């Protein structure tokens, strides 16, 4: 058996967010950032880790401005990534705020409603799109603990450079076993590895 069920991007869980998915709400800047609908528009990135800074930095290639919305007053990102964000003239970090509603018309996102995490006040921010950069969840709940996973739920490879799991004859490939790279090319590579490992096991 090869498990290759992937991982899904985390979203905020807002009803308005779901309404505008693929109409201005995304969780992948590299996938969607170059689309015409986002070009020369102010864009919002939600998050405070390395991934959020990477997404915001990438989007500056297309957006007129990028607002990085973070719930706290310091980024969780590494110092070098945090410095990259603060030095970029096209990135504005909006501290101590969270998105509570995605605003839009019949066709697309037009802005977000923000809530101040300190005093509870609200404000609206005009934008042409919102990118959620708040992590991923591996699709492993169906396994119900039958295969060993790490603390985040990703399947653990029990032998370095092999796709072997904790169960004999069961292999894992792609994002379901990768909480670090999460790229199509690395998934394809481990898919090849898992196929070879399975064939050799048989």
N, C-alpha and C. Protein backbone atom coordinates (compact mmCIF):
# COMPACT_ATOMS: atom_id res chain seq x y z
N UNK A 1 0.85 -1.19 0.00
CA UNK A 1 0.00 0.00 0.00
C UNK A 1 0.88 1.24 0.00
N UNK A 2 0.55 2.20 -0.88
CA UNK A 2 1.21 3.50 -0.86
C UNK A 2 0.16 4.55 -0.46
N UNK A 3 0.45 5.25 0.61
CA UNK A 3 -0.44 6.33 1.07
C UNK A 3 0.08 7.64 0.49
N UNK A 4 -0.75 8.29 -0.31
CA UNK A 4 -0.37 9.56 -0.94
C UNK A 4 -1.56 10.51 -0.93
N UNK A 5 -2.12 10.71 0.26
CA UNK A 5 -3.36 11.49 0.41
C UNK A 5 -3.13 12.98 0.61
N UNK A 6 -1.86 13.42 0.66
CA UNK A 6 -1.57 14.84 0.67
C UNK A 6 -1.88 15.56 1.97
N UNK A 7 -1.83 16.87 1.89
CA UNK A 7 -2.15 17.75 3.01
C UNK A 7 -2.96 18.91 2.48
N UNK A 8 -3.87 19.41 3.29
CA UNK A 8 -4.72 20.52 2.84
C UNK A 8 -4.34 21.80 3.56
N UNK A 9 -4.46 22.89 2.85
CA UNK A 9 -4.15 24.19 3.44
C UNK A 9 -5.18 24.55 4.49
N UNK A 10 -4.72 25.17 5.55
CA UNK A 10 -5.63 25.63 6.59
C UNK A 10 -6.22 26.98 6.19
N UNK A 11 -7.49 27.12 6.44
CA UNK A 11 -8.18 28.40 6.22
C UNK A 11 -8.69 28.93 7.55
N UNK A 12 -9.21 30.13 7.55
CA UNK A 12 -9.69 30.75 8.79
C UNK A 12 -11.00 30.15 9.27
N UNK A 13 -11.75 29.54 8.35
CA UNK A 13 -13.02 28.93 8.73
C UNK A 13 -14.20 29.88 8.68
N UNK A 14 -14.04 30.99 7.99
CA UNK A 14 -15.13 31.97 7.88
C UNK A 14 -16.08 31.59 6.75
N UNK A 15 -17.35 31.83 6.95
CA UNK A 15 -18.35 31.55 5.91
C UNK A 15 -18.08 32.40 4.67
N UNK A 16 -17.71 33.67 4.90
CA UNK A 16 -17.43 34.57 3.78
C UNK A 16 -16.17 34.15 3.04
N UNK A 17 -15.24 33.54 3.74
CA UNK A 17 -14.01 33.05 3.12
C UNK A 17 -14.33 31.92 2.15
N UNK A 18 -15.17 30.99 2.59
CA UNK A 18 -15.57 29.87 1.73
C UNK A 18 -16.32 30.37 0.50
N UNK A 19 -17.13 31.40 0.68
CA UNK A 19 -17.91 31.96 -0.43
C UNK A 19 -17.02 32.47 -1.56
N UNK A 20 -15.86 33.03 -1.20
CA UNK A 20 -15.00 33.65 -2.21
C UNK A 20 -13.78 32.82 -2.57
N UNK A 21 -13.74 31.54 -2.19
CA UNK A 21 -12.65 30.67 -2.63
C UNK A 21 -12.67 30.61 -4.16
N UNK A 22 -11.49 30.74 -4.74
CA UNK A 22 -11.32 30.78 -6.20
C UNK A 22 -11.91 32.04 -6.83
N UNK A 23 -12.34 32.96 -6.00
CA UNK A 23 -12.82 34.26 -6.50
C UNK A 23 -12.09 35.39 -5.78
N UNK A 24 -10.86 35.08 -5.36
CA UNK A 24 -10.06 36.08 -4.66
C UNK A 24 -9.49 35.56 -3.35
N UNK A 25 -9.98 34.43 -2.87
CA UNK A 25 -9.42 33.79 -1.67
C UNK A 25 -8.62 32.57 -2.11
N UNK A 26 -7.38 32.50 -1.64
CA UNK A 26 -6.48 31.41 -2.01
C UNK A 26 -5.61 31.04 -0.82
N UNK A 27 -4.96 29.89 -0.91
CA UNK A 27 -3.98 29.50 0.11
C UNK A 27 -2.64 29.18 -0.54
N UNK A 28 -2.46 29.63 -1.79
CA UNK A 28 -1.21 29.35 -2.48
C UNK A 28 -0.84 30.50 -3.41
N UNK A 29 0.07 31.34 -2.94
CA UNK A 29 0.49 32.49 -3.75
C UNK A 29 1.22 32.05 -5.01
N UNK A 30 2.06 31.02 -4.89
CA UNK A 30 2.81 30.55 -6.06
C UNK A 30 1.86 30.00 -7.12
N UNK A 31 0.77 29.34 -6.67
CA UNK A 31 -0.21 28.79 -7.62
C UNK A 31 -1.02 29.88 -8.30
N UNK A 32 -1.46 30.87 -7.53
CA UNK A 32 -2.48 31.80 -8.01
C UNK A 32 -2.04 33.26 -8.13
N UNK A 33 -0.91 33.62 -7.51
CA UNK A 33 -0.54 35.03 -7.40
C UNK A 33 -0.37 35.76 -8.71
N UNK A 34 0.01 35.04 -9.77
CA UNK A 34 0.25 35.70 -11.07
C UNK A 34 -1.01 35.84 -11.91
N UNK A 35 -2.14 35.36 -11.41
CA UNK A 35 -3.40 35.47 -12.17
C UNK A 35 -3.74 36.95 -12.42
N UNK A 36 -4.34 37.23 -13.56
CA UNK A 36 -4.68 38.62 -13.89
C UNK A 36 -5.52 39.32 -12.81
N UNK A 37 -6.39 38.58 -12.12
CA UNK A 37 -7.27 39.19 -11.12
C UNK A 37 -6.50 39.79 -9.94
N UNK A 38 -5.26 39.33 -9.72
CA UNK A 38 -4.48 39.83 -8.59
C UNK A 38 -3.44 40.88 -8.98
N UNK A 39 -3.20 41.04 -10.27
CA UNK A 39 -2.14 41.95 -10.71
C UNK A 39 -2.49 43.42 -10.46
N UNK A 40 -1.51 44.14 -9.94
CA UNK A 40 -1.65 45.58 -9.65
C UNK A 40 -2.79 45.88 -8.69
N UNK A 41 -3.06 44.92 -7.81
CA UNK A 41 -4.09 45.08 -6.79
C UNK A 41 -3.43 45.04 -5.41
N UNK A 42 -4.01 45.73 -4.42
CA UNK A 42 -3.54 45.51 -3.05
C UNK A 42 -4.03 44.13 -2.60
N UNK A 43 -3.15 43.34 -1.99
CA UNK A 43 -3.49 41.98 -1.58
C UNK A 43 -3.21 41.80 -0.09
N UNK A 44 -3.94 40.86 0.51
CA UNK A 44 -3.80 40.56 1.94
C UNK A 44 -3.23 39.16 2.10
N UNK A 45 -2.25 39.01 2.98
CA UNK A 45 -1.75 37.70 3.39
C UNK A 45 -1.99 37.57 4.88
N UNK A 46 -2.58 36.46 5.30
CA UNK A 46 -2.86 36.23 6.72
C UNK A 46 -1.86 35.22 7.26
N UNK A 47 -1.15 35.61 8.32
CA UNK A 47 -0.18 34.70 8.95
C UNK A 47 1.00 35.46 9.49
N UNK A 48 1.87 34.74 10.21
CA UNK A 48 3.02 35.40 10.79
C UNK A 48 4.28 34.57 10.79
N UNK A 49 4.24 33.41 10.12
CA UNK A 49 5.40 32.53 10.06
C UNK A 49 6.19 32.71 8.79
N UNK A 50 7.19 31.85 8.60
CA UNK A 50 8.03 31.92 7.41
C UNK A 50 7.21 31.81 6.13
N UNK A 51 6.22 30.90 6.14
CA UNK A 51 5.40 30.70 4.94
C UNK A 51 4.65 31.98 4.57
N UNK A 52 4.12 32.68 5.57
CA UNK A 52 3.38 33.91 5.31
C UNK A 52 4.30 34.98 4.71
N UNK A 53 5.51 35.09 5.24
CA UNK A 53 6.46 36.07 4.71
C UNK A 53 6.87 35.70 3.29
N UNK A 54 7.08 34.40 3.04
CA UNK A 54 7.43 33.95 1.69
C UNK A 54 6.31 34.29 0.71
N UNK A 55 5.05 34.02 1.13
CA UNK A 55 3.91 34.32 0.26
C UNK A 55 3.83 35.82 -0.02
N UNK A 56 3.96 36.62 1.04
CA UNK A 56 3.87 38.07 0.88
C UNK A 56 4.96 38.59 -0.03
N UNK A 57 6.18 38.09 0.16
CA UNK A 57 7.32 38.52 -0.66
C UNK A 57 7.10 38.15 -2.12
N UNK A 58 6.62 36.94 -2.36
CA UNK A 58 6.35 36.50 -3.73
C UNK A 58 5.29 37.39 -4.38
N UNK A 59 4.26 37.72 -3.63
CA UNK A 59 3.15 38.51 -4.20
C UNK A 59 3.55 39.94 -4.55
N UNK A 60 4.64 40.43 -3.96
CA UNK A 60 5.07 41.79 -4.31
C UNK A 60 5.49 41.89 -5.78
N UNK A 61 5.73 40.75 -6.42
CA UNK A 61 6.05 40.75 -7.86
C UNK A 61 4.86 41.15 -8.71
N UNK A 62 3.66 41.04 -8.15
CA UNK A 62 2.44 41.27 -8.94
C UNK A 62 1.53 42.33 -8.33
N UNK A 63 1.49 42.40 -7.01
CA UNK A 63 0.55 43.29 -6.32
C UNK A 63 1.05 44.73 -6.28
N UNK A 64 0.12 45.66 -6.12
CA UNK A 64 0.50 47.05 -5.92
C UNK A 64 1.00 47.25 -4.50
N UNK A 65 0.43 46.47 -3.57
CA UNK A 65 0.82 46.51 -2.16
C UNK A 65 0.39 45.21 -1.51
N UNK A 66 1.13 44.77 -0.51
CA UNK A 66 0.77 43.55 0.21
C UNK A 66 0.65 43.87 1.69
N UNK A 67 -0.52 43.57 2.26
CA UNK A 67 -0.75 43.74 3.69
C UNK A 67 -0.61 42.39 4.37
N UNK A 68 0.33 42.30 5.30
CA UNK A 68 0.53 41.07 6.06
C UNK A 68 -0.20 41.22 7.39
N UNK A 69 -1.28 40.47 7.56
CA UNK A 69 -2.12 40.60 8.75
C UNK A 69 -1.69 39.58 9.79
N UNK A 70 -1.33 40.07 10.99
CA UNK A 70 -0.86 39.16 12.04
C UNK A 70 -1.56 39.48 13.36
N UNK A 71 -1.95 38.43 14.07
CA UNK A 71 -2.71 38.58 15.32
C UNK A 71 -1.90 39.18 16.46
N UNK A 72 -0.58 39.05 16.38
CA UNK A 72 0.27 39.51 17.49
C UNK A 72 1.12 40.71 17.06
N UNK A 73 2.03 41.11 17.96
CA UNK A 73 2.87 42.28 17.66
C UNK A 73 4.28 41.90 17.25
N UNK A 74 4.55 40.60 17.11
CA UNK A 74 5.83 40.12 16.57
C UNK A 74 5.55 38.93 15.67
N UNK A 75 6.36 38.78 14.63
CA UNK A 75 6.19 37.65 13.72
C UNK A 75 6.78 36.38 14.32
N UNK A 76 6.18 35.23 13.97
CA UNK A 76 6.74 33.94 14.37
C UNK A 76 7.88 33.54 13.42
N UNK A 77 7.98 34.21 12.31
CA UNK A 77 8.98 33.89 11.29
C UNK A 77 10.39 34.04 11.85
N UNK A 78 11.32 33.35 11.21
CA UNK A 78 12.74 33.47 11.59
C UNK A 78 13.18 34.92 11.40
N UNK A 79 14.26 35.29 12.09
CA UNK A 79 14.70 36.69 12.06
C UNK A 79 15.00 37.15 10.63
N UNK A 80 15.66 36.31 9.85
CA UNK A 80 16.01 36.72 8.49
C UNK A 80 14.76 36.94 7.64
N UNK A 81 13.74 36.11 7.83
CA UNK A 81 12.49 36.28 7.08
C UNK A 81 11.72 37.51 7.57
N UNK A 82 11.70 37.71 8.88
CA UNK A 82 11.02 38.88 9.44
C UNK A 82 11.67 40.17 8.94
N UNK A 83 13.00 40.18 8.89
CA UNK A 83 13.72 41.35 8.39
C UNK A 83 13.39 41.59 6.92
N UNK A 84 13.27 40.52 6.16
CA UNK A 84 12.94 40.63 4.75
C UNK A 84 11.58 41.32 4.57
N UNK A 85 10.63 40.96 5.43
CA UNK A 85 9.29 41.55 5.34
C UNK A 85 9.31 43.02 5.72
N UNK A 86 10.00 43.35 6.80
CA UNK A 86 9.99 44.74 7.27
C UNK A 86 10.77 45.67 6.34
N UNK A 87 11.74 45.11 5.61
CA UNK A 87 12.53 45.94 4.70
C UNK A 87 11.87 46.15 3.34
N UNK A 88 10.92 45.30 3.01
CA UNK A 88 10.29 45.39 1.69
C UNK A 88 9.29 46.54 1.66
N UNK A 89 9.52 47.48 0.79
CA UNK A 89 8.68 48.69 0.74
C UNK A 89 7.25 48.40 0.32
N UNK A 90 7.04 47.28 -0.36
CA UNK A 90 5.68 46.95 -0.83
C UNK A 90 4.88 46.14 0.19
N UNK A 91 5.53 45.75 1.29
CA UNK A 91 4.84 44.98 2.34
C UNK A 91 4.55 45.88 3.53
N UNK A 92 3.29 45.90 3.95
CA UNK A 92 2.90 46.62 5.18
C UNK A 92 2.36 45.60 6.17
N UNK A 93 2.99 45.51 7.32
CA UNK A 93 2.54 44.56 8.35
C UNK A 93 1.49 45.24 9.21
N UNK A 94 0.33 44.60 9.31
CA UNK A 94 -0.76 45.11 10.14
C UNK A 94 -0.77 44.29 11.42
N UNK A 95 -0.17 44.86 12.47
CA UNK A 95 -0.01 44.14 13.73
C UNK A 95 -1.32 44.06 14.52
N UNK A 96 -1.42 43.04 15.36
CA UNK A 96 -2.53 42.91 16.32
C UNK A 96 -3.91 42.98 15.66
N UNK A 97 -4.04 42.35 14.51
CA UNK A 97 -5.34 42.31 13.82
C UNK A 97 -5.59 40.91 13.27
N UNK A 98 -6.86 40.58 13.13
CA UNK A 98 -7.25 39.33 12.50
C UNK A 98 -8.41 39.59 11.55
N UNK A 99 -8.48 38.79 10.49
CA UNK A 99 -9.57 38.91 9.53
C UNK A 99 -10.81 38.22 10.10
N UNK A 100 -11.92 38.96 10.18
CA UNK A 100 -13.16 38.37 10.69
C UNK A 100 -14.21 38.22 9.59
N UNK A 101 -13.97 38.87 8.44
CA UNK A 101 -14.91 38.72 7.32
C UNK A 101 -14.22 39.10 6.02
N UNK A 102 -14.50 38.31 4.98
CA UNK A 102 -14.04 38.64 3.64
C UNK A 102 -15.17 39.38 2.93
N UNK A 103 -14.86 40.52 2.37
CA UNK A 103 -15.87 41.35 1.71
C UNK A 103 -15.74 41.21 0.20
N UNK A 104 -16.87 41.34 -0.49
CA UNK A 104 -16.82 41.24 -1.94
C UNK A 104 -18.13 41.56 -2.59
N UNK A 105 -18.11 41.57 -3.92
CA UNK A 105 -19.35 41.78 -4.67
C UNK A 105 -19.79 40.43 -5.24
N UNK A 106 -20.56 40.44 -6.29
CA UNK A 106 -21.07 39.19 -6.85
C UNK A 106 -20.00 38.33 -7.51
N UNK A 107 -18.86 38.95 -7.85
CA UNK A 107 -17.87 38.19 -8.61
C UNK A 107 -16.53 37.99 -7.92
N UNK A 108 -16.15 38.92 -7.02
CA UNK A 108 -14.78 38.83 -6.49
C UNK A 108 -14.65 39.53 -5.14
N UNK A 109 -13.48 39.28 -4.52
CA UNK A 109 -13.14 39.92 -3.24
C UNK A 109 -12.85 41.40 -3.47
N UNK A 110 -13.37 42.23 -2.57
CA UNK A 110 -13.10 43.67 -2.65
C UNK A 110 -12.43 44.20 -1.39
N UNK A 111 -12.37 43.38 -0.35
CA UNK A 111 -11.73 43.84 0.89
C UNK A 111 -11.90 42.83 2.01
N UNK A 112 -11.40 43.19 3.18
CA UNK A 112 -11.55 42.36 4.38
C UNK A 112 -11.94 43.25 5.55
N UNK A 113 -12.67 42.66 6.49
CA UNK A 113 -12.97 43.36 7.75
C UNK A 113 -12.02 42.82 8.80
N UNK A 114 -11.31 43.73 9.46
CA UNK A 114 -10.32 43.36 10.46
C UNK A 114 -10.81 43.69 11.86
N UNK A 115 -10.38 42.86 12.80
CA UNK A 115 -10.67 43.11 14.22
C UNK A 115 -9.35 43.28 14.96
N UNK A 116 -9.26 44.33 15.74
CA UNK A 116 -8.07 44.57 16.54
C UNK A 116 -8.07 43.60 17.72
N UNK A 117 -6.99 42.81 17.86
CA UNK A 117 -6.94 41.79 18.91
C UNK A 117 -6.66 42.38 20.29
N UNK A 118 -6.36 43.68 20.33
CA UNK A 118 -6.09 44.34 21.61
C UNK A 118 -7.35 45.01 22.17
N UNK A 119 -8.00 45.84 21.31
CA UNK A 119 -9.15 46.60 21.83
C UNK A 119 -10.49 46.18 21.21
N UNK A 120 -10.47 45.23 20.27
CA UNK A 120 -11.72 44.73 19.70
C UNK A 120 -12.35 45.62 18.64
N UNK A 121 -11.69 46.70 18.28
CA UNK A 121 -12.26 47.61 17.28
C UNK A 121 -12.18 46.98 15.89
N UNK A 122 -13.00 47.49 14.97
CA UNK A 122 -13.06 46.95 13.61
C UNK A 122 -12.69 48.02 12.59
N UNK A 123 -12.15 47.55 11.47
CA UNK A 123 -11.86 48.44 10.34
C UNK A 123 -11.93 47.61 9.08
N UNK A 124 -12.12 48.30 7.96
CA UNK A 124 -12.15 47.62 6.67
C UNK A 124 -10.91 48.00 5.86
N UNK A 125 -10.42 47.02 5.12
CA UNK A 125 -9.22 47.22 4.32
C UNK A 125 -9.54 46.77 2.89
N UNK A 126 -9.43 47.68 1.94
CA UNK A 126 -9.71 47.34 0.55
C UNK A 126 -8.59 46.48 -0.02
N UNK A 127 -8.95 45.43 -0.73
CA UNK A 127 -7.96 44.57 -1.37
C UNK A 127 -8.62 43.77 -2.48
N UNK A 128 -7.79 43.24 -3.36
CA UNK A 128 -8.30 42.45 -4.48
C UNK A 128 -8.20 40.95 -4.26
N UNK A 129 -7.66 40.56 -3.10
CA UNK A 129 -7.54 39.14 -2.81
C UNK A 129 -6.97 38.89 -1.44
N UNK A 130 -7.24 37.69 -0.90
CA UNK A 130 -6.72 37.30 0.41
C UNK A 130 -6.08 35.92 0.31
N UNK A 131 -4.86 35.82 0.83
CA UNK A 131 -4.12 34.55 0.83
C UNK A 131 -3.92 34.09 2.27
N UNK A 132 -4.44 32.90 2.58
CA UNK A 132 -4.26 32.33 3.91
C UNK A 132 -2.93 31.59 3.94
N UNK A 133 -2.07 31.94 4.89
CA UNK A 133 -0.76 31.29 5.02
C UNK A 133 -0.59 30.87 6.48
N UNK A 134 -1.50 30.00 6.91
CA UNK A 134 -1.53 29.60 8.33
C UNK A 134 -1.33 28.10 8.50
N UNK A 135 -0.55 27.52 7.59
CA UNK A 135 -0.18 26.13 7.76
C UNK A 135 -1.03 25.14 6.98
N UNK A 136 -0.70 23.87 7.14
CA UNK A 136 -1.37 22.77 6.45
C UNK A 136 -1.73 21.67 7.45
N UNK A 137 -2.72 20.87 7.08
CA UNK A 137 -3.11 19.71 7.88
C UNK A 137 -3.01 18.47 7.00
N UNK A 138 -2.22 17.46 7.40
CA UNK A 138 -2.11 16.26 6.57
C UNK A 138 -3.41 15.46 6.59
N UNK A 139 -3.72 14.83 5.47
CA UNK A 139 -4.95 14.02 5.37
C UNK A 139 -4.68 12.61 5.88
N UNK A 140 -4.57 12.49 7.21
CA UNK A 140 -4.25 11.21 7.83
C UNK A 140 -5.26 10.76 8.87
N UNK A 141 -6.32 11.53 9.08
CA UNK A 141 -7.27 11.18 10.14
C UNK A 141 -7.94 9.83 9.87
N UNK A 142 -8.09 9.45 8.60
CA UNK A 142 -8.74 8.17 8.25
C UNK A 142 -7.92 6.97 8.72
N UNK A 143 -6.64 7.18 8.98
CA UNK A 143 -5.77 6.07 9.41
C UNK A 143 -6.04 5.66 10.85
N UNK A 144 -6.60 6.58 11.63
CA UNK A 144 -6.96 6.32 13.03
C UNK A 144 -5.81 5.68 13.81
N UNK A 145 -4.60 6.23 13.62
CA UNK A 145 -3.45 5.79 14.40
C UNK A 145 -2.82 4.49 13.98
N UNK A 146 -3.24 3.93 12.85
CA UNK A 146 -2.68 2.63 12.44
C UNK A 146 -1.25 2.75 11.92
N UNK A 147 -0.86 3.96 11.49
CA UNK A 147 0.49 4.22 11.02
C UNK A 147 1.06 5.34 11.89
N UNK A 148 2.32 5.23 12.28
CA UNK A 148 2.93 6.22 13.15
C UNK A 148 3.05 7.57 12.43
N UNK A 149 2.69 8.63 13.16
CA UNK A 149 2.78 9.99 12.63
C UNK A 149 3.57 10.85 13.61
N UNK A 150 3.98 12.04 13.14
CA UNK A 150 4.63 12.97 14.07
C UNK A 150 3.57 13.78 14.80
N UNK A 151 4.02 14.73 15.62
CA UNK A 151 3.08 15.48 16.46
C UNK A 151 2.09 16.31 15.64
N UNK A 152 2.44 16.63 14.40
CA UNK A 152 1.54 17.41 13.54
C UNK A 152 0.63 16.52 12.70
N UNK A 153 0.79 15.20 12.80
CA UNK A 153 -0.08 14.29 12.07
C UNK A 153 0.47 13.79 10.76
N UNK A 154 1.68 14.21 10.38
CA UNK A 154 2.30 13.73 9.14
C UNK A 154 2.87 12.33 9.35
N UNK A 155 2.72 11.47 8.36
CA UNK A 155 3.26 10.10 8.47
C UNK A 155 4.78 10.16 8.60
N UNK A 156 5.28 9.36 9.53
CA UNK A 156 6.72 9.35 9.78
C UNK A 156 7.40 8.23 9.01
N UNK A 157 8.45 8.60 8.26
CA UNK A 157 9.28 7.59 7.62
C UNK A 157 10.21 7.01 8.68
N UNK A 158 10.25 5.69 8.80
CA UNK A 158 11.02 5.06 9.88
C UNK A 158 12.46 4.76 9.49
N UNK A 159 12.80 4.94 8.21
CA UNK A 159 14.16 4.72 7.76
C UNK A 159 14.58 5.90 6.88
N UNK A 160 15.72 6.52 7.18
CA UNK A 160 16.16 7.68 6.39
C UNK A 160 16.25 7.35 4.89
N UNK A 161 15.78 8.28 4.09
CA UNK A 161 15.84 8.19 2.62
C UNK A 161 15.03 7.01 2.06
N UNK A 162 14.09 6.52 2.83
CA UNK A 162 13.17 5.47 2.36
C UNK A 162 11.76 5.92 2.70
N UNK A 163 10.78 5.43 1.95
CA UNK A 163 9.39 5.83 2.19
C UNK A 163 8.66 4.84 3.09
N UNK A 164 9.43 4.04 3.83
CA UNK A 164 8.85 3.04 4.72
C UNK A 164 8.13 3.72 5.90
N UNK A 165 6.97 3.21 6.22
CA UNK A 165 6.25 3.66 7.41
C UNK A 165 6.47 2.66 8.53
N UNK A 166 5.77 2.86 9.64
CA UNK A 166 5.90 1.96 10.80
C UNK A 166 5.22 0.61 10.57
N UNK A 167 4.49 0.48 9.47
CA UNK A 167 3.80 -0.77 9.16
C UNK A 167 4.46 -1.44 7.96
N UNK A 168 4.83 -2.67 8.11
CA UNK A 168 5.49 -3.44 7.06
C UNK A 168 4.62 -3.47 5.80
N UNK A 169 5.21 -3.11 4.65
CA UNK A 169 4.49 -3.15 3.38
C UNK A 169 3.63 -1.93 3.10
N UNK A 170 3.68 -0.94 3.99
CA UNK A 170 2.93 0.30 3.78
C UNK A 170 3.94 1.44 3.61
N UNK A 171 3.79 2.20 2.54
CA UNK A 171 4.72 3.26 2.21
C UNK A 171 3.96 4.59 2.10
N UNK A 172 4.66 5.69 2.26
CA UNK A 172 4.01 7.01 2.20
C UNK A 172 4.78 7.93 1.27
N UNK A 173 4.03 8.68 0.46
CA UNK A 173 4.66 9.58 -0.51
C UNK A 173 3.95 10.93 -0.54
N UNK A 174 4.70 11.96 -0.87
CA UNK A 174 4.11 13.28 -1.05
C UNK A 174 3.90 14.04 0.25
N UNK A 175 3.00 15.02 0.20
CA UNK A 175 2.80 15.95 1.31
C UNK A 175 2.26 15.28 2.57
N UNK A 176 1.69 14.09 2.45
CA UNK A 176 1.18 13.40 3.64
C UNK A 176 2.34 13.02 4.58
N UNK A 177 3.56 12.96 4.02
CA UNK A 177 4.73 12.62 4.82
C UNK A 177 5.77 13.75 4.80
N UNK A 178 5.38 14.93 4.33
CA UNK A 178 6.34 16.03 4.17
C UNK A 178 5.77 17.32 4.74
N UNK A 179 6.24 17.71 5.91
CA UNK A 179 5.78 18.95 6.52
C UNK A 179 6.77 20.09 6.31
N UNK A 180 7.72 19.89 5.40
CA UNK A 180 8.78 20.89 5.23
C UNK A 180 8.82 21.49 3.81
N UNK A 181 8.93 20.64 2.78
CA UNK A 181 9.07 21.14 1.42
C UNK A 181 7.72 21.43 0.77
N UNK A 182 6.83 20.45 0.77
CA UNK A 182 5.47 20.60 0.24
C UNK A 182 5.46 21.21 -1.16
N UNK A 183 6.21 20.60 -2.08
CA UNK A 183 6.24 21.06 -3.47
C UNK A 183 5.83 19.91 -4.38
N UNK A 184 5.27 20.25 -5.53
CA UNK A 184 4.84 19.21 -6.47
C UNK A 184 6.02 18.33 -6.89
N UNK A 185 7.17 18.95 -7.10
CA UNK A 185 8.32 18.19 -7.59
C UNK A 185 8.85 17.22 -6.52
N UNK A 186 8.82 17.63 -5.24
CA UNK A 186 9.27 16.72 -4.19
C UNK A 186 8.25 15.61 -3.98
N UNK A 187 6.98 15.92 -4.13
CA UNK A 187 5.94 14.88 -4.03
C UNK A 187 6.11 13.85 -5.14
N UNK A 188 6.37 14.33 -6.34
CA UNK A 188 6.57 13.41 -7.47
C UNK A 188 7.78 12.52 -7.22
N UNK A 189 8.85 13.11 -6.67
CA UNK A 189 10.05 12.35 -6.39
C UNK A 189 9.81 11.25 -5.36
N UNK A 190 9.12 11.59 -4.27
CA UNK A 190 8.84 10.56 -3.26
C UNK A 190 7.81 9.56 -3.76
N UNK A 191 6.97 9.96 -4.72
CA UNK A 191 6.05 9.01 -5.34
C UNK A 191 6.82 7.93 -6.09
N UNK A 192 7.84 8.36 -6.82
CA UNK A 192 8.72 7.41 -7.52
C UNK A 192 9.42 6.51 -6.51
N UNK A 193 9.92 7.10 -5.43
CA UNK A 193 10.61 6.33 -4.39
C UNK A 193 9.69 5.28 -3.78
N UNK A 194 8.45 5.69 -3.47
CA UNK A 194 7.49 4.77 -2.86
C UNK A 194 7.16 3.62 -3.81
N UNK A 195 7.02 3.94 -5.10
CA UNK A 195 6.72 2.88 -6.09
C UNK A 195 7.86 1.86 -6.13
N UNK A 196 9.09 2.35 -6.13
CA UNK A 196 10.25 1.46 -6.14
C UNK A 196 10.36 0.66 -4.83
N UNK A 197 10.12 1.35 -3.71
CA UNK A 197 10.17 0.67 -2.41
C UNK A 197 9.12 -0.44 -2.34
N UNK A 198 7.92 -0.15 -2.84
CA UNK A 198 6.84 -1.14 -2.81
C UNK A 198 7.16 -2.32 -3.72
N UNK A 199 7.68 -2.01 -4.93
CA UNK A 199 8.04 -3.09 -5.86
C UNK A 199 9.11 -3.99 -5.27
N UNK A 200 10.12 -3.39 -4.65
CA UNK A 200 11.20 -4.17 -4.06
C UNK A 200 10.71 -5.00 -2.88
N UNK A 201 9.80 -4.42 -2.10
CA UNK A 201 9.22 -5.16 -0.96
C UNK A 201 8.46 -6.38 -1.46
N UNK A 202 7.69 -6.21 -2.54
CA UNK A 202 6.93 -7.32 -3.11
C UNK A 202 7.89 -8.40 -3.66
